[in-house]
Amino acid sequence: MVTGMATRKVTVTLDEQQVEAIRSLVESGRARSVSGFVQDAVSVTLDDMVGWGAALALALEATGGEMSASEREWADRVLGVAGPSDSSVA
């Protein structure tokens, strides 16, 4: 974390086992604090998501771009995913 970076306090809900595991890491000196551990985890996850998005964009570009409507329909059928036309309106 950059010193002086604006921060905001938020509340998150974690499983008790996760909290205890993080506290154990803090007590052993392997994590600086519970908040620091969560900040690091969020940072890594955000970086991963950006990286995967870039990798997907490159893969789509290399294979002809976004899926067409017919390709999406085929993929939905193969994966057993209900498409918009399969949902019922009440």
N, C-alpha and C. Protein backbone atom coordinates (compact mmCIF):
# COMPACT_ATOMS: atom_id res chain seq x y z
N MET A 1 0.84 -1.18 0.00
CA MET A 1 0.00 0.00 0.00
C MET A 1 0.89 1.24 0.00
N VAL A 2 0.52 2.21 -0.77
CA VAL A 2 1.28 3.45 -0.86
C VAL A 2 0.98 4.32 0.35
N THR A 3 2.03 4.84 0.97
CA THR A 3 1.83 5.71 2.12
C THR A 3 1.10 6.97 1.68
N GLY A 4 0.10 7.37 2.44
CA GLY A 4 -0.65 8.56 2.11
C GLY A 4 -1.82 8.32 1.17
N MET A 5 -2.00 7.07 0.73
CA MET A 5 -3.11 6.76 -0.15
C MET A 5 -4.41 6.91 0.63
N ALA A 6 -5.40 7.50 0.00
CA ALA A 6 -6.70 7.65 0.65
C ALA A 6 -7.29 6.27 0.89
N THR A 7 -7.82 6.07 2.05
CA THR A 7 -8.45 4.79 2.39
C THR A 7 -9.84 5.05 2.94
N ARG A 8 -10.64 4.02 2.93
CA ARG A 8 -11.99 4.11 3.48
C ARG A 8 -12.24 2.84 4.27
N LYS A 9 -12.78 2.98 5.44
CA LYS A 9 -13.10 1.83 6.29
C LYS A 9 -14.41 1.23 5.82
N VAL A 10 -14.41 -0.09 5.61
CA VAL A 10 -15.61 -0.82 5.23
C VAL A 10 -15.75 -2.04 6.12
N THR A 11 -16.92 -2.61 6.12
CA THR A 11 -17.17 -3.83 6.87
C THR A 11 -17.29 -4.97 5.88
N VAL A 12 -16.57 -6.05 6.13
CA VAL A 12 -16.69 -7.25 5.31
C VAL A 12 -17.03 -8.42 6.23
N THR A 13 -17.67 -9.41 5.66
CA THR A 13 -18.03 -10.60 6.41
C THR A 13 -17.19 -11.77 5.91
N LEU A 14 -16.51 -12.44 6.83
CA LEU A 14 -15.67 -13.59 6.51
C LEU A 14 -16.08 -14.76 7.38
N ASP A 15 -15.80 -15.96 6.89
CA ASP A 15 -16.01 -17.14 7.73
C ASP A 15 -15.09 -17.05 8.95
N GLU A 16 -15.56 -17.57 10.07
CA GLU A 16 -14.76 -17.52 11.30
C GLU A 16 -13.41 -18.20 11.09
N GLN A 17 -13.38 -19.28 10.34
CA GLN A 17 -12.12 -19.99 10.09
C GLN A 17 -11.14 -19.11 9.32
N GLN A 18 -11.65 -18.32 8.38
CA GLN A 18 -10.78 -17.41 7.63
C GLN A 18 -10.20 -16.35 8.54
N VAL A 19 -11.03 -15.80 9.41
CA VAL A 19 -10.56 -14.76 10.34
C VAL A 19 -9.48 -15.34 11.26
N GLU A 20 -9.72 -16.54 11.77
CA GLU A 20 -8.74 -17.16 12.66
C GLU A 20 -7.44 -17.45 11.92
N ALA A 21 -7.53 -17.88 10.66
CA ALA A 21 -6.33 -18.15 9.87
C ALA A 21 -5.55 -16.85 9.64
N ILE A 22 -6.25 -15.76 9.36
CA ILE A 22 -5.58 -14.48 9.15
C ILE A 22 -4.94 -14.01 10.46
N ARG A 23 -5.66 -14.13 11.55
CA ARG A 23 -5.10 -13.72 12.85
C ARG A 23 -3.86 -14.53 13.19
N SER A 24 -3.87 -15.81 12.86
CA SER A 24 -2.69 -16.65 13.10
C SER A 24 -1.50 -16.17 12.28
N LEU A 25 -1.77 -15.76 11.04
CA LEU A 25 -0.70 -15.23 10.20
C LEU A 25 -0.14 -13.92 10.78
N VAL A 26 -1.03 -13.09 11.32
CA VAL A 26 -0.60 -11.84 11.94
C VAL A 26 0.25 -12.14 13.17
N GLU A 27 -0.23 -13.06 14.02
CA GLU A 27 0.49 -13.39 15.25
C GLU A 27 1.87 -13.98 14.96
N SER A 28 1.99 -14.71 13.85
CA SER A 28 3.27 -15.32 13.50
C SER A 28 4.18 -14.36 12.75
N GLY A 29 3.66 -13.16 12.46
CA GLY A 29 4.46 -12.17 11.76
C GLY A 29 4.46 -12.32 10.25
N ARG A 30 3.65 -13.22 9.72
CA ARG A 30 3.60 -13.44 8.27
C ARG A 30 2.64 -12.48 7.57
N ALA A 31 1.83 -11.77 8.33
CA ALA A 31 0.95 -10.72 7.79
C ALA A 31 1.05 -9.55 8.76
N ARG A 32 0.99 -8.31 8.22
CA ARG A 32 1.20 -7.14 9.08
C ARG A 32 0.00 -6.84 9.98
N SER A 33 -1.20 -7.14 9.49
CA SER A 33 -2.43 -6.92 10.26
C SER A 33 -3.57 -7.59 9.51
N VAL A 34 -4.72 -7.71 10.16
CA VAL A 34 -5.88 -8.27 9.48
C VAL A 34 -6.26 -7.35 8.31
N SER A 35 -6.32 -6.05 8.55
CA SER A 35 -6.65 -5.11 7.47
C SER A 35 -5.63 -5.17 6.35
N GLY A 36 -4.35 -5.24 6.72
CA GLY A 36 -3.30 -5.32 5.72
C GLY A 36 -3.42 -6.58 4.88
N PHE A 37 -3.75 -7.70 5.51
CA PHE A 37 -3.93 -8.95 4.78
C PHE A 37 -5.07 -8.82 3.78
N VAL A 38 -6.19 -8.27 4.23
CA VAL A 38 -7.36 -8.11 3.35
C VAL A 38 -7.03 -7.12 2.21
N GLN A 39 -6.33 -6.04 2.51
CA GLN A 39 -5.94 -5.09 1.47
C GLN A 39 -5.07 -5.78 0.42
N ASP A 40 -4.11 -6.58 0.87
CA ASP A 40 -3.24 -7.30 -0.07
C ASP A 40 -4.05 -8.28 -0.91
N ALA A 41 -4.98 -9.00 -0.27
CA ALA A 41 -5.80 -9.97 -1.00
C ALA A 41 -6.66 -9.29 -2.06
N VAL A 42 -7.23 -8.16 -1.72
CA VAL A 42 -8.05 -7.41 -2.67
C VAL A 42 -7.18 -6.91 -3.83
N SER A 43 -6.01 -6.41 -3.51
CA SER A 43 -5.10 -5.92 -4.55
C SER A 43 -4.72 -7.03 -5.53
N VAL A 44 -4.38 -8.20 -5.00
CA VAL A 44 -4.01 -9.33 -5.85
C VAL A 44 -5.19 -9.75 -6.72
N THR A 45 -6.38 -9.81 -6.14
CA THR A 45 -7.56 -10.21 -6.89
C THR A 45 -7.88 -9.21 -7.99
N LEU A 46 -7.81 -7.93 -7.69
CA LEU A 46 -8.06 -6.91 -8.72
C LEU A 46 -7.04 -7.02 -9.85
N ASP A 47 -5.77 -7.21 -9.50
CA ASP A 47 -4.74 -7.38 -10.53
C ASP A 47 -5.00 -8.62 -11.38
N ASP A 48 -5.40 -9.70 -10.73
CA ASP A 48 -5.72 -10.94 -11.47
C ASP A 48 -6.87 -10.72 -12.44
N MET A 49 -7.90 -10.03 -11.99
CA MET A 49 -9.06 -9.81 -12.85
C MET A 49 -8.69 -8.97 -14.07
N VAL A 50 -7.86 -7.95 -13.86
CA VAL A 50 -7.40 -7.13 -14.97
C VAL A 50 -6.57 -7.98 -15.92
N GLY A 51 -5.69 -8.80 -15.36
CA GLY A 51 -4.85 -9.68 -16.17
C GLY A 51 -5.66 -10.67 -16.99
N TRP A 52 -6.66 -11.28 -16.36
CA TRP A 52 -7.50 -12.23 -17.08
C TRP A 52 -8.31 -11.53 -18.16
N GLY A 53 -8.76 -10.31 -17.87
CA GLY A 53 -9.50 -9.55 -18.88
C GLY A 53 -8.63 -9.26 -20.09
N ALA A 54 -7.37 -8.91 -19.84
CA ALA A 54 -6.44 -8.64 -20.95
C ALA A 54 -6.16 -9.91 -21.72
N ALA A 55 -5.98 -11.02 -21.00
CA ALA A 55 -5.71 -12.31 -21.67
C ALA A 55 -6.91 -12.72 -22.52
N LEU A 56 -8.12 -12.52 -22.00
CA LEU A 56 -9.32 -12.85 -22.76
C LEU A 56 -9.42 -11.98 -24.00
N ALA A 57 -9.14 -10.69 -23.86
CA ALA A 57 -9.20 -9.79 -25.02
C ALA A 57 -8.21 -10.23 -26.10
N LEU A 58 -7.00 -10.62 -25.69
CA LEU A 58 -6.02 -11.10 -26.66
C LEU A 58 -6.47 -12.39 -27.33
N ALA A 59 -7.04 -13.30 -26.53
CA ALA A 59 -7.51 -14.57 -27.09
C ALA A 59 -8.66 -14.34 -28.07
N LEU A 60 -9.58 -13.46 -27.72
CA LEU A 60 -10.70 -13.16 -28.62
C LEU A 60 -10.18 -12.53 -29.92
N GLU A 61 -9.21 -11.62 -29.79
CA GLU A 61 -8.65 -10.98 -30.97
C GLU A 61 -7.98 -12.01 -31.88
N ALA A 62 -7.27 -12.97 -31.28
CA ALA A 62 -6.55 -13.98 -32.05
C ALA A 62 -7.49 -14.99 -32.70
N THR A 63 -8.71 -15.10 -32.18
CA THR A 63 -9.63 -16.12 -32.70
C THR A 63 -10.84 -15.53 -33.41
N GLY A 64 -10.78 -14.25 -33.76
CA GLY A 64 -11.86 -13.68 -34.55
C GLY A 64 -12.80 -12.76 -33.83
N GLY A 65 -12.51 -12.39 -32.60
CA GLY A 65 -13.34 -11.41 -31.90
C GLY A 65 -14.42 -12.04 -31.05
N GLU A 66 -15.34 -11.18 -30.63
CA GLU A 66 -16.44 -11.60 -29.76
C GLU A 66 -17.26 -12.71 -30.41
N MET A 67 -17.92 -13.51 -29.57
CA MET A 67 -18.77 -14.57 -30.08
C MET A 67 -20.00 -13.98 -30.77
N SER A 68 -20.42 -14.64 -31.84
CA SER A 68 -21.65 -14.22 -32.53
C SER A 68 -22.84 -14.73 -31.73
N ALA A 69 -24.02 -14.26 -32.06
CA ALA A 69 -25.24 -14.70 -31.38
C ALA A 69 -25.42 -16.21 -31.54
N SER A 70 -25.16 -16.74 -32.73
CA SER A 70 -25.33 -18.18 -32.93
C SER A 70 -24.29 -18.97 -32.14
N GLU A 71 -23.07 -18.43 -32.02
CA GLU A 71 -22.05 -19.11 -31.21
C GLU A 71 -22.44 -19.11 -29.74
N ARG A 72 -23.00 -18.00 -29.27
CA ARG A 72 -23.47 -17.93 -27.88
C ARG A 72 -24.59 -18.93 -27.63
N GLU A 73 -25.54 -19.00 -28.55
CA GLU A 73 -26.65 -19.95 -28.41
C GLU A 73 -26.12 -21.38 -28.35
N TRP A 74 -25.17 -21.70 -29.24
CA TRP A 74 -24.57 -23.03 -29.24
C TRP A 74 -23.89 -23.31 -27.90
N ALA A 75 -23.09 -22.35 -27.41
CA ALA A 75 -22.38 -22.53 -26.15
C ALA A 75 -23.36 -22.69 -24.99
N ASP A 76 -24.43 -21.90 -24.99
CA ASP A 76 -25.44 -22.03 -23.94
C ASP A 76 -26.07 -23.41 -23.94
N ARG A 77 -26.38 -23.94 -25.14
CA ARG A 77 -26.95 -25.29 -25.23
C ARG A 77 -25.97 -26.33 -24.73
N VAL A 78 -24.73 -26.24 -25.15
CA VAL A 78 -23.71 -27.22 -24.75
C VAL A 78 -23.47 -27.18 -23.24
N LEU A 79 -23.47 -25.97 -22.68
CA LEU A 79 -23.21 -25.81 -21.25
C LEU A 79 -24.46 -25.97 -20.40
N GLY A 80 -25.62 -26.09 -21.04
CA GLY A 80 -26.86 -26.24 -20.28
C GLY A 80 -27.30 -24.96 -19.60
N VAL A 81 -26.94 -23.82 -20.20
CA VAL A 81 -27.30 -22.51 -19.64
C VAL A 81 -28.54 -22.03 -20.36
N ALA A 82 -29.54 -21.60 -19.56
CA ALA A 82 -30.76 -21.07 -20.15
C ALA A 82 -30.50 -19.69 -20.72
N GLY A 83 -30.86 -19.49 -21.96
CA GLY A 83 -30.71 -18.19 -22.61
C GLY A 83 -31.87 -17.29 -22.27
N PRO A 84 -31.84 -16.04 -22.71
CA PRO A 84 -32.91 -15.08 -22.42
C PRO A 84 -34.27 -15.56 -22.93
N SER A 85 -34.28 -16.28 -24.08
CA SER A 85 -35.57 -16.72 -24.62
C SER A 85 -36.14 -17.89 -23.84
N ASP A 86 -35.30 -18.55 -23.01
CA ASP A 86 -35.75 -19.68 -22.22
C ASP A 86 -36.41 -19.28 -20.92
N SER A 87 -36.27 -18.02 -20.51
CA SER A 87 -36.84 -17.60 -19.23
C SER A 87 -38.30 -17.24 -19.43
N SER A 88 -39.08 -17.57 -18.42
CA SER A 88 -40.51 -17.28 -18.51
C SER A 88 -40.79 -15.96 -17.82
N VAL A 89 -41.76 -15.25 -18.33
CA VAL A 89 -42.17 -13.98 -17.74
C VAL A 89 -43.45 -14.22 -16.97
N ALA A 90 -43.46 -13.80 -15.71
CA ALA A 90 -44.65 -14.04 -14.85
C ALA A 90 -45.65 -12.94 -15.02
